[in-house]
């Protein structure tokens, strides 16, 4: 073992039927080092950290922690050894308060009053203010992440694994998190950091290990590489940015005026007086921290949630009481964030899923009978055009990886010659090359004359493809502004709820 390594991974290999998730993976992390783990979806990052955290056992290879053999049989053993993990998807109970949620994640929690005091102290020490008595259902996404981090810090970890930790944060919250991670690093805690946001990797991380198809293909010092160079190491090809056509904007295709509607989602956010217009050929980007009304906005635009008044108009025709199929006939297609269960039926085949939303505009039924030949051809067209990796269109949606199912769902909507497109998180969980392809397809549809609304937590994505930008905060939408000239500080203030002249002058 190299002197000074906290964790050393040697030749880890893990295979599942039909796929080798990790093949002979080796790398090391020193105390206090912030180490990035990079790779496309399916590159093997999740399997690797699951082996380190005791959720998966390797087939071959070994791990050394502080020079001693380390083979945790379960997460409890990993935590006892000083390894903690903050997952991308939070495991919190909304109907319990902060202290109760933290207690559930501890082996031997103290009494709640004593624990509340510890939460206050640790949250203060690390610049992550948190009230232990608040209900988790009332917390913002950033505050919920603090609960997960504080729960880990109370265990005094020597290695903290973080999976996509900034995907639900405003730029200002990201900076607070980075200050906390730098403080932990200075105190000797090593951090294994997984993220698709390469500029963040460059700003924060000391070293990076890059995986491709389960193997280590490169290591680098992030600050010495550009984001594009790291992305190309991840995918193994040269990436080209999406090409914009410069098409002239046409008539208003989608108009929303004073949209106010109660959220049907438990602990959801009601929409309050939302107004905007989108012209043909234009992309409107809508940002916001998770839980500020994004899901509700998509539901209200798609027709799944109806306002009862004509707050939504497509090509000048009121759609207040129209359901999803009527809006599809009028030209509006939509793709929600939750791909498995909302955008796609998990146990149905890709052919059947193509039928679910494609019938209205593609005419896949005749006299009440399904035209299976036409439906199959439509599914195969989506698979081919959007490079969906699947053995065939007969497989169930749940059998696809998250990234491939995302490509299928987005492709299904974009392949229906729409005049209005509404997509929530179009590249959520897909790798760099697939994300570039989806963004290009969105821009292509806009160039063909579609009006596009992209709701996303990925600011880089919105700045790359949108013509105008707005932000949702607590169900209210800021006035859309041209993307050109917007600063990250202004965007962060808009996401935090500052609008109008306050943003223009940089004051919250």
Protein backbone atom coordinates (compact mmCIF):
# COMPACT_ATOMS: atom_id res chain seq x y z
CA UNK A 1 0.00 0.00 0.00
CA UNK A 2 1.13 3.55 -0.79
CA UNK A 3 1.87 5.41 2.41
CA UNK A 4 -0.86 7.87 3.27
CA UNK A 5 -3.79 6.36 1.36
CA UNK A 6 -7.08 6.35 3.25
CA UNK A 7 -8.88 4.02 0.83
CA UNK A 8 -7.22 1.87 -1.80
CA UNK A 9 -9.28 -0.07 -4.35
CA UNK A 10 -7.42 -2.85 -6.18
CA UNK A 11 -8.82 -4.73 -9.17
CA UNK A 12 -12.50 -4.56 -8.21
CA UNK A 13 -14.68 -6.51 -10.62
CA UNK A 14 -18.45 -6.98 -10.54
CA UNK A 15 -20.53 -8.68 -13.23
CA UNK A 16 -24.27 -9.16 -13.64
CA UNK A 17 -25.99 -11.40 -16.21
CA UNK A 18 -25.11 -9.97 -19.61
CA UNK A 19 -23.05 -7.02 -18.37
CA UNK A 20 -19.75 -6.37 -16.57
CA UNK A 21 -20.45 -3.34 -14.38
CA UNK A 22 -16.85 -2.96 -13.14
CA UNK A 23 -13.74 -4.58 -14.61
CA UNK A 24 -10.41 -4.50 -12.73
CA UNK A 25 -11.00 -1.03 -11.23
CA UNK A 26 -8.14 0.42 -9.16
CA UNK A 27 -7.64 3.85 -7.58
CA UNK A 28 -6.73 5.44 -4.23
CA UNK A 29 -7.94 8.35 -2.09
CA UNK A 30 -5.82 10.16 0.51
CA UNK A 31 -7.14 11.73 3.73
CA UNK A 32 -8.57 15.18 3.01
CA UNK A 33 -8.61 14.60 -0.76
CA UNK A 34 -11.67 15.51 -2.83
CA UNK A 35 -11.68 12.81 -5.51
CA UNK A 36 -14.06 12.91 -8.48
CA UNK A 37 -15.52 9.78 -10.03
CA UNK A 38 -16.54 10.53 -13.61
CA UNK A 39 -18.23 8.56 -16.36
CA UNK A 40 -21.27 8.26 -18.57
CA UNK A 41 -24.45 6.57 -17.34
CA UNK A 42 -23.71 2.87 -17.32
CA UNK A 43 -19.96 3.47 -16.90
CA UNK A 44 -20.01 1.67 -13.52
CA UNK A 45 -19.89 4.57 -11.02
CA UNK A 46 -22.94 3.49 -9.02
CA UNK A 47 -21.83 -0.14 -8.74
CA UNK A 48 -18.37 0.97 -7.61
CA UNK A 49 -19.60 3.23 -4.80
CA UNK A 50 -22.15 0.59 -3.76
CA UNK A 51 -19.25 -1.84 -3.26
CA UNK A 52 -17.37 0.75 -1.18
CA UNK A 53 -20.51 1.41 0.89
CA UNK A 54 -21.36 -2.27 1.43
CA UNK A 55 -24.50 -2.44 -0.73
CA UNK A 56 -22.88 -4.76 -3.29
CA UNK A 57 -20.14 -7.37 -2.91
CA UNK A 58 -17.38 -7.50 -5.53
CA UNK A 59 -16.71 -10.72 -7.48
CA UNK A 60 -12.94 -10.10 -7.48
CA UNK A 61 -10.43 -7.63 -6.12
CA UNK A 62 -9.97 -6.06 -2.70
CA UNK A 63 -10.20 -2.81 -0.77
CA UNK A 64 -7.91 -1.44 1.93
CA UNK A 65 -9.06 1.18 4.46
CA UNK A 66 -6.22 2.76 6.46
CA UNK A 67 -4.03 -0.16 5.36
CA UNK A 68 -6.38 -2.88 6.67
CA UNK A 69 -8.54 -5.23 4.60
CA UNK A 70 -11.96 -3.64 4.08
CA UNK A 71 -14.93 -5.71 2.87
CA UNK A 72 -18.18 -4.32 4.33
CA UNK A 73 -21.02 -6.85 4.21
CA UNK A 74 -23.65 -4.10 4.57
CA UNK A 75 -23.88 -0.29 4.89
CA UNK A 76 -23.95 -0.57 8.70
CA UNK A 77 -20.45 -2.09 8.59
CA UNK A 78 -19.25 0.64 6.22
CA UNK A 79 -20.58 3.36 8.53
CA UNK A 80 -18.92 1.68 11.53
CA UNK A 81 -15.63 1.84 9.58
CA UNK A 82 -16.05 5.57 8.94
CA UNK A 83 -17.57 5.50 5.42
CA UNK A 84 -20.75 7.56 4.90
CA UNK A 85 -22.81 8.28 1.78
CA UNK A 86 -25.24 11.01 0.69
CA UNK A 87 -27.43 9.56 -2.06
CA UNK A 88 -28.74 11.48 -5.07
CA UNK A 89 -32.34 10.62 -4.14
CA UNK A 90 -33.10 11.54 -0.56
CA UNK A 91 -34.42 8.88 1.84
CA UNK A 92 -36.48 11.11 4.11
CA UNK A 93 -40.00 10.89 5.56
CA UNK A 94 -41.88 14.11 4.81
CA UNK A 95 -44.36 13.67 7.68
CA UNK A 96 -41.55 13.52 10.30
CA UNK A 97 -39.40 16.39 11.54
CA UNK A 98 -35.66 16.81 10.95
CA UNK A 99 -34.53 15.26 14.24
CA UNK A 100 -36.81 12.23 13.79
CA UNK A 101 -35.45 11.65 10.28
CA UNK A 102 -31.86 11.89 11.50
CA UNK A 103 -32.60 9.45 14.32
CA UNK A 104 -33.94 6.88 11.85
CA UNK A 105 -30.56 6.85 10.10
CA UNK A 106 -28.54 6.18 13.27
CA UNK A 107 -27.69 2.84 14.84
CA UNK A 108 -28.13 4.00 18.45
CA UNK A 109 -29.74 7.45 18.41
CA UNK A 110 -29.75 9.51 21.61
CA UNK A 111 -32.95 11.00 23.01
CA UNK A 112 -34.55 13.44 20.56
CA UNK A 113 -33.88 16.51 22.73
CA UNK A 114 -30.17 15.63 22.96
CA UNK A 115 -30.05 14.81 19.24
CA UNK A 116 -31.70 18.14 18.37
CA UNK A 117 -28.91 19.93 20.24
CA UNK A 118 -26.26 18.00 18.32
CA UNK A 119 -27.98 18.78 14.99
CA UNK A 120 -28.01 22.49 15.84
CA UNK A 121 -24.33 22.43 16.83
CA UNK A 122 -23.07 20.47 13.81
CA UNK A 123 -25.21 22.45 11.37
CA UNK A 124 -23.81 25.68 12.85
CA UNK A 125 -20.21 24.41 12.79
CA UNK A 126 -20.42 23.52 9.09
CA UNK A 127 -22.45 26.47 7.83
CA UNK A 128 -25.57 24.41 7.09
CA UNK A 129 -28.26 26.02 9.27
CA UNK A 130 -31.05 23.59 10.11
CA UNK A 131 -33.96 23.66 12.58
CA UNK A 132 -34.35 20.12 14.01
CA UNK A 133 -38.05 20.71 14.81
CA UNK A 134 -39.15 21.57 11.25
CA UNK A 135 -41.20 19.06 9.24
CA UNK A 136 -39.22 17.67 6.31
CA UNK A 137 -42.25 18.13 4.03
CA UNK A 138 -41.92 21.90 4.55
CA UNK A 139 -38.20 22.02 3.66
CA UNK A 140 -36.72 23.11 0.33
CA UNK A 141 -34.65 20.61 -1.66
CA UNK A 142 -31.45 22.29 -0.46
CA UNK A 143 -32.55 22.03 3.18
CA UNK A 144 -33.45 18.36 2.71
CA UNK A 145 -29.96 17.71 1.42
CA UNK A 146 -28.60 19.35 4.58
CA UNK A 147 -30.55 16.80 6.63
CA UNK A 148 -28.81 13.96 4.75
CA UNK A 149 -25.39 15.59 5.13
CA UNK A 150 -25.85 16.35 8.85
CA UNK A 151 -26.97 12.75 9.40
CA UNK A 152 -23.65 11.65 7.87
CA UNK A 153 -21.53 14.22 9.75
CA UNK A 154 -22.92 13.07 13.10
CA UNK A 155 -21.17 9.74 12.38
CA UNK A 156 -17.77 11.55 12.12
CA UNK A 157 -16.94 9.96 8.74
CA UNK A 158 -13.41 9.54 7.39
CA UNK A 159 -14.72 9.10 3.83
CA UNK A 160 -17.88 10.85 2.57
CA UNK A 161 -19.36 9.65 -0.73
CA UNK A 162 -21.57 12.21 -2.50
CA UNK A 163 -23.70 11.24 -5.52
CA UNK A 164 -24.79 14.21 -7.72
CA UNK A 165 -25.05 16.49 -4.66
CA UNK A 166 -25.76 19.77 -6.48
CA UNK A 167 -28.52 18.65 -8.85
CA UNK A 168 -31.23 20.28 -6.69
CA UNK A 169 -29.39 23.41 -5.52
CA UNK A 170 -29.28 27.06 -6.57
CA UNK A 171 -25.82 28.47 -7.44
CA UNK A 172 -25.73 30.19 -4.03
CA UNK A 173 -26.55 26.90 -2.25
CA UNK A 174 -23.84 25.14 -4.29
CA UNK A 175 -21.28 27.63 -2.99
CA UNK A 176 -22.42 27.01 0.61
CA UNK A 177 -22.09 23.25 0.07
CA UNK A 178 -18.60 23.68 -1.43
CA UNK A 179 -17.51 25.72 1.59
CA UNK A 180 -18.70 22.88 3.83
CA UNK A 181 -16.88 20.25 1.75
CA UNK A 182 -13.67 22.30 1.75
CA UNK A 183 -13.94 22.60 5.55
CA UNK A 184 -14.37 18.82 5.86
CA UNK A 185 -11.41 18.30 3.53
CA UNK A 186 -9.23 20.65 5.61
CA UNK A 187 -10.16 18.60 8.70
CA UNK A 188 -8.94 15.42 6.99
CA UNK A 189 -12.20 13.91 5.71
CA UNK A 190 -11.79 12.42 2.23
CA UNK A 191 -14.64 13.01 -0.23
CA UNK A 192 -15.54 10.81 -3.20
CA UNK A 193 -17.59 13.09 -5.46
CA UNK A 194 -19.82 11.97 -8.35
CA UNK A 195 -21.22 14.62 -10.67
CA UNK A 196 -22.04 15.29 -14.33
CA UNK A 197 -21.30 19.00 -13.77
CA UNK A 198 -17.72 19.22 -14.95
CA UNK A 199 -17.11 22.87 -14.12
CA UNK A 200 -17.96 22.02 -10.51
CA UNK A 201 -15.47 19.15 -10.64
CA UNK A 202 -12.81 21.58 -11.88
CA UNK A 203 -13.58 24.04 -9.06
CA UNK A 204 -13.72 21.52 -6.21
CA UNK A 205 -11.82 18.30 -6.86
CA UNK A 206 -8.12 17.50 -6.44
CA UNK A 207 -8.03 14.35 -8.57
CA UNK A 208 -10.41 12.46 -10.89
CA UNK A 209 -10.79 8.84 -11.91
CA UNK A 210 -12.66 8.41 -15.19
CA UNK A 211 -14.64 5.25 -15.97
CA UNK A 212 -15.88 4.08 -19.34
CA UNK A 213 -17.83 0.82 -19.75
CA UNK A 214 -16.76 -0.37 -16.33
CA UNK A 215 -13.03 0.25 -16.74
CA UNK A 216 -10.70 3.03 -15.62
CA UNK A 217 -9.68 4.81 -18.82
CA UNK A 218 -7.94 7.88 -17.37
CA UNK A 219 -6.97 9.80 -14.26
CA UNK A 220 -6.37 13.55 -14.20
CA UNK A 221 -6.13 16.68 -12.13
CA UNK A 222 -9.44 18.44 -12.98
CA UNK A 223 -8.17 22.01 -12.68
CA UNK A 224 -5.57 21.20 -15.37
CA UNK A 225 -8.23 20.03 -17.86
CA UNK A 226 -11.13 21.79 -19.55
CA UNK A 227 -14.67 20.52 -19.01
CA UNK A 228 -14.80 19.50 -22.68
CA UNK A 229 -11.57 17.49 -22.39
CA UNK A 230 -12.97 15.58 -19.39
CA UNK A 231 -16.29 14.98 -21.17
CA UNK A 232 -14.46 13.58 -24.18
CA UNK A 233 -12.42 11.26 -21.94
CA UNK A 234 -15.73 10.03 -20.47
CA UNK A 235 -17.41 9.28 -23.80
CA UNK A 236 -14.36 8.43 -25.89
CA UNK A 237 -15.35 10.71 -28.77
CA UNK A 238 -15.11 14.38 -29.71
CA UNK A 239 -18.23 16.29 -28.61
CA UNK A 240 -19.73 19.11 -30.66
CA UNK A 241 -22.04 21.67 -29.01
CA UNK A 242 -25.66 21.83 -30.25
CA UNK A 243 -26.05 23.91 -33.40
CA UNK A 244 -28.62 26.71 -33.35
CA UNK A 245 -30.35 27.55 -36.60
CA UNK A 246 -31.06 31.23 -36.01
CA UNK A 247 -34.61 30.72 -37.32
CA UNK A 248 -36.82 33.80 -37.11
CA UNK A 249 -39.48 33.57 -34.40
CA UNK A 250 -43.10 33.21 -35.48
CA UNK A 251 -46.53 33.76 -33.95
CA UNK A 252 -47.26 33.03 -30.28
CA UNK A 253 -48.03 29.30 -30.09
CA UNK A 254 -48.43 28.96 -26.30
CA UNK A 255 -49.80 31.64 -23.98
CA UNK A 256 -50.26 31.25 -20.24
CA UNK A 257 -52.04 34.09 -18.43
CA UNK A 258 -52.63 34.21 -14.66
CA UNK A 259 -52.44 30.42 -14.20
CA UNK A 260 -53.36 29.67 -10.58
CA UNK A 261 -54.04 26.10 -9.55
CA UNK A 262 -53.75 24.00 -6.37
CA UNK A 263 -51.16 21.23 -6.33
CA UNK A 264 -52.58 17.69 -6.34
CA UNK A 265 -49.24 16.38 -4.99
CA UNK A 266 -48.76 15.79 -1.23
CA UNK A 267 -46.43 18.55 0.05
CA UNK A 268 -46.53 19.95 -3.49
CA UNK A 269 -46.41 23.60 -4.53
CA UNK A 270 -49.48 25.36 -5.94
CA UNK A 271 -49.04 27.62 -8.98
CA UNK A 272 -49.68 31.31 -8.34
CA UNK A 273 -50.51 33.70 -11.18
CA UNK A 274 -48.05 32.18 -13.69
CA UNK A 275 -47.88 34.07 -17.02
CA UNK A 276 -45.66 33.75 -20.11
CA UNK A 277 -45.77 33.47 -23.91
CA UNK A 278 -43.72 31.30 -26.26
CA UNK A 279 -43.42 31.97 -29.98
CA UNK A 280 -42.98 29.41 -32.71
CA UNK A 281 -39.27 28.69 -33.11
CA UNK A 282 -38.45 29.82 -29.55
CA UNK A 283 -37.10 27.90 -26.54
CA UNK A 284 -38.14 29.20 -23.11
CA UNK A 285 -35.98 27.80 -20.31
CA UNK A 286 -37.55 27.57 -16.85
CA UNK A 287 -35.20 26.94 -13.91
CA UNK A 288 -35.91 26.29 -10.28
CA UNK A 289 -34.80 24.25 -7.31
CA UNK A 290 -36.77 20.97 -7.10
CA UNK A 291 -40.16 21.30 -5.44
CA UNK A 292 -40.99 24.86 -6.49
CA UNK A 293 -43.85 23.97 -8.84
CA UNK A 294 -42.09 22.34 -11.81
CA UNK A 295 -44.18 19.16 -11.75
CA UNK A 296 -47.38 21.17 -11.28
CA UNK A 297 -46.52 23.43 -14.23
CA UNK A 298 -46.04 20.47 -16.55
CA UNK A 299 -49.31 18.91 -15.34
CA UNK A 300 -51.16 22.20 -15.92
CA UNK A 301 -49.73 22.63 -19.43
CA UNK A 302 -50.25 19.00 -20.48
CA UNK A 303 -53.90 18.97 -19.34
CA UNK A 304 -53.47 16.43 -16.54
CA UNK A 305 -54.21 19.27 -14.09
CA UNK A 306 -56.92 21.68 -15.30
CA UNK A 307 -57.52 25.20 -14.08
CA UNK A 308 -61.12 25.38 -15.34
CA UNK A 309 -60.47 28.76 -16.96
CA UNK A 310 -58.69 29.52 -20.21
CA UNK A 311 -55.39 30.39 -18.54
CA UNK A 312 -53.66 28.17 -21.14
CA UNK A 313 -54.06 28.94 -24.85
CA UNK A 314 -52.59 26.99 -27.77
CA UNK A 315 -52.45 29.04 -30.99
CA UNK A 316 -55.01 31.43 -29.50
CA UNK A 317 -57.53 28.71 -28.55
CA UNK A 318 -58.45 28.41 -24.85
CA UNK A 319 -57.59 25.03 -23.32
CA UNK A 320 -58.68 25.55 -19.71
CA UNK A 321 -60.97 22.48 -19.58
CA UNK A 322 -59.20 20.42 -22.29
CA UNK A 323 -57.58 17.15 -21.24
CA UNK A 324 -54.26 15.69 -22.47
CA UNK A 325 -55.65 14.12 -25.66
CA UNK A 326 -57.42 17.33 -26.73
CA UNK A 327 -54.23 19.30 -26.15
CA UNK A 328 -52.26 16.71 -28.13
CA UNK A 329 -54.68 17.10 -31.02
CA UNK A 330 -54.06 20.86 -30.79
CA UNK A 331 -50.32 20.18 -31.15
CA UNK A 332 -48.96 20.12 -27.57
CA UNK A 333 -46.78 17.18 -26.47
CA UNK A 334 -45.18 16.77 -23.05
CA UNK A 335 -42.59 14.63 -21.26
CA UNK A 336 -42.66 14.63 -17.43
CA UNK A 337 -39.64 14.25 -15.16
CA UNK A 338 -40.68 10.89 -13.71
CA UNK A 339 -40.00 8.58 -16.62
CA UNK A 340 -40.90 5.25 -15.01
CA UNK A 341 -44.55 5.33 -13.95
CA UNK A 342 -45.58 8.71 -15.35
CA UNK A 343 -43.95 9.01 -18.77
CA UNK A 344 -43.82 5.24 -19.33
CA UNK A 345 -45.73 2.22 -17.98
CA UNK A 346 -42.97 0.03 -16.45
CA UNK A 347 -44.34 -3.40 -17.42
CA UNK A 348 -45.54 -2.48 -20.91
CA UNK A 349 -43.30 -3.01 -23.94
CA UNK A 350 -41.77 -0.11 -25.85
CA UNK A 351 -44.33 -0.72 -28.61
CA UNK A 352 -47.18 -0.40 -26.11
CA UNK A 353 -45.59 2.69 -24.56
CA UNK A 354 -45.26 4.25 -28.01
CA UNK A 355 -49.02 3.75 -28.42
CA UNK A 356 -49.93 5.38 -25.07
CA UNK A 357 -49.09 8.94 -26.08
CA UNK A 358 -48.54 8.50 -29.82
CA UNK A 359 -52.01 7.39 -30.89
CA UNK A 360 -53.65 10.83 -30.94
CA UNK A 361 -51.17 12.44 -33.34
CA UNK A 362 -49.85 9.38 -35.21
CA UNK A 363 -53.21 7.64 -35.83
CA UNK A 364 -52.18 4.27 -34.40
CA UNK A 365 -55.75 2.96 -34.02
CA UNK A 366 -58.49 2.44 -36.63
CA UNK A 367 -62.17 2.01 -35.73
CA UNK A 368 -61.21 1.20 -32.16
CA UNK A 369 -58.58 -1.42 -33.09
CA UNK A 370 -54.83 -1.00 -32.60
CA UNK A 371 -52.77 -1.01 -35.79
CA UNK A 372 -49.88 -3.00 -34.33
CA UNK A 373 -47.80 -2.82 -37.52
CA UNK A 374 -47.94 0.97 -37.56
CA UNK A 375 -47.36 1.16 -33.80
CA UNK A 376 -44.34 -1.15 -34.03
CA UNK A 377 -42.91 0.93 -36.86
CA UNK A 378 -43.33 4.10 -34.77
CA UNK A 379 -41.49 2.50 -31.81
CA UNK A 380 -38.68 1.31 -34.10
CA UNK A 381 -38.40 4.81 -35.61
CA UNK A 382 -37.91 6.28 -32.10
CA UNK A 383 -35.31 3.64 -31.18
CA UNK A 384 -33.35 4.27 -34.37
CA UNK A 385 -33.47 8.08 -34.44
CA UNK A 386 -32.67 8.52 -30.73
CA UNK A 387 -30.14 5.67 -30.43
CA UNK A 388 -32.08 3.83 -27.71
CA UNK A 389 -29.94 0.87 -26.62
CA UNK A 390 -32.35 -2.06 -26.34
CA UNK A 391 -32.50 -5.67 -27.61
CA UNK A 392 -35.79 -4.80 -29.32
CA UNK A 393 -39.05 -2.86 -29.06
CA UNK A 394 -40.71 -5.87 -27.42
CA UNK A 395 -38.84 -5.40 -24.11
CA UNK A 396 -40.57 -3.85 -21.09
CA UNK A 397 -39.83 -0.20 -20.31
CA UNK A 398 -38.44 -1.13 -16.89
CA UNK A 399 -35.75 -3.30 -18.57
CA UNK A 400 -34.06 -0.22 -20.07
CA UNK A 401 -31.43 1.79 -18.23
CA UNK A 402 -32.65 5.18 -17.00
CA UNK A 403 -30.75 7.04 -19.69
CA UNK A 404 -32.07 4.87 -22.52
CA UNK A 405 -35.66 5.09 -21.27
CA UNK A 406 -35.24 8.88 -21.13
CA UNK A 407 -34.13 8.89 -24.78
CA UNK A 408 -37.17 6.78 -25.72
CA UNK A 409 -39.66 8.98 -23.81
CA UNK A 410 -38.28 12.26 -25.18
CA UNK A 411 -37.97 10.76 -28.66
CA UNK A 412 -41.58 9.56 -28.59
CA UNK A 413 -42.82 13.10 -27.97
CA UNK A 414 -40.46 14.88 -30.38
CA UNK A 415 -41.37 12.43 -33.17
CA UNK A 416 -45.01 13.56 -33.33
CA UNK A 417 -44.54 16.79 -35.37
CA UNK A 418 -45.64 18.96 -32.41
CA UNK A 419 -46.28 22.70 -32.52
CA UNK A 420 -45.74 23.05 -28.74
CA UNK A 421 -43.29 20.98 -26.66
CA UNK A 422 -43.14 20.95 -22.85
CA UNK A 423 -40.36 18.87 -21.26
CA UNK A 424 -39.38 18.61 -17.59
CA UNK A 425 -35.73 17.58 -17.06
CA UNK A 426 -35.03 16.44 -20.66
CA UNK A 427 -31.54 15.07 -19.93
CA UNK A 428 -32.04 13.90 -16.33
CA UNK A 429 -29.71 10.97 -15.71
CA UNK A 430 -28.33 10.67 -19.24
CA UNK A 431 -24.66 10.85 -20.19
CA UNK A 432 -22.89 13.65 -22.02
CA UNK A 433 -23.26 12.29 -25.55
CA UNK A 434 -26.95 11.36 -25.10
CA UNK A 435 -27.65 14.74 -23.48
CA UNK A 436 -26.06 16.52 -26.45
CA UNK A 437 -28.23 14.48 -28.84
CA UNK A 438 -31.44 15.30 -26.93
CA UNK A 439 -30.60 19.02 -26.79
CA UNK A 440 -29.87 19.03 -30.51
CA UNK A 441 -33.21 17.30 -31.21
CA UNK A 442 -35.02 19.98 -29.15
CA UNK A 443 -33.28 22.76 -31.09
CA UNK A 444 -34.11 20.99 -34.37
CA UNK A 445 -37.82 20.95 -33.48
CA UNK A 446 -37.66 24.64 -32.58
CA UNK A 447 -35.99 25.32 -35.95
CA UNK A 448 -38.93 23.52 -37.59
CA UNK A 449 -41.28 26.00 -35.89
CA UNK A 450 -42.25 24.40 -32.58
CA UNK A 451 -42.59 26.52 -29.44
CA UNK A 452 -40.59 24.81 -26.69
CA UNK A 453 -40.72 25.03 -22.89
CA UNK A 454 -37.79 23.30 -21.18
CA UNK A 455 -38.06 22.98 -17.39
CA UNK A 456 -34.67 21.99 -15.97
CA UNK A 457 -32.48 22.16 -12.89
CA UNK A 458 -29.40 22.08 -15.14
CA UNK A 459 -28.50 25.75 -15.61
CA UNK A 460 -25.78 24.98 -18.15
CA UNK A 461 -28.36 23.16 -20.24
CA UNK A 462 -30.81 26.08 -20.17
CA UNK A 463 -28.12 28.64 -21.00
CA UNK A 464 -27.03 26.46 -23.93
CA UNK A 465 -30.40 25.94 -25.62
CA UNK A 466 -32.84 28.61 -24.37
CA UNK A 467 -33.60 31.98 -25.99
CA UNK A 468 -35.28 33.34 -22.86
CA UNK A 469 -35.00 32.36 -19.20
CA UNK A 470 -37.39 32.40 -16.22
CA UNK A 471 -37.32 30.83 -12.77
CA UNK A 472 -39.96 29.18 -10.58
CA UNK A 473 -39.93 29.91 -6.87
CA UNK A 474 -42.71 28.74 -4.52
CA UNK A 475 -45.08 28.42 -7.48
CA UNK A 476 -44.42 31.91 -8.89
CA UNK A 477 -42.63 32.52 -12.18
CA UNK A 478 -40.22 35.38 -12.70
CA UNK A 479 -40.65 37.53 -15.80
CA UNK A 480 -38.83 35.79 -18.71
CA UNK A 481 -35.60 37.52 -19.74
CA UNK A 482 -33.27 37.04 -22.74
CA UNK A 483 -30.54 34.52 -21.92
CA UNK A 484 -27.88 36.67 -23.51
CA UNK A 485 -26.21 38.80 -20.86
CA UNK A 486 -27.66 36.98 -17.82
CA UNK A 487 -25.14 36.29 -15.06
CA UNK A 488 -25.09 33.25 -12.75
CA UNK A 489 -25.66 35.59 -9.77
CA UNK A 490 -28.79 37.02 -11.41
CA UNK A 491 -30.03 33.51 -12.19
CA UNK A 492 -29.45 32.41 -8.60
CA UNK A 493 -31.40 35.39 -7.29
CA UNK A 494 -34.28 34.63 -9.68
CA UNK A 495 -34.32 31.01 -8.48
CA UNK A 496 -34.33 32.25 -4.90
CA UNK A 497 -37.40 34.40 -5.48
CA UNK A 498 -36.00 37.86 -6.32
CA UNK A 499 -37.64 39.32 -9.43
CA UNK A 500 -37.75 42.44 -11.55
CA UNK A 501 -35.56 45.42 -10.64
CA UNK A 502 -34.15 43.65 -7.59
CA UNK A 503 -32.46 41.10 -9.86
CA UNK A 504 -31.36 43.76 -12.31
CA UNK A 505 -29.48 45.54 -9.54
CA UNK A 506 -28.18 42.35 -7.95
CA UNK A 507 -30.00 42.66 -4.62
CA UNK A 508 -32.09 39.90 -3.08
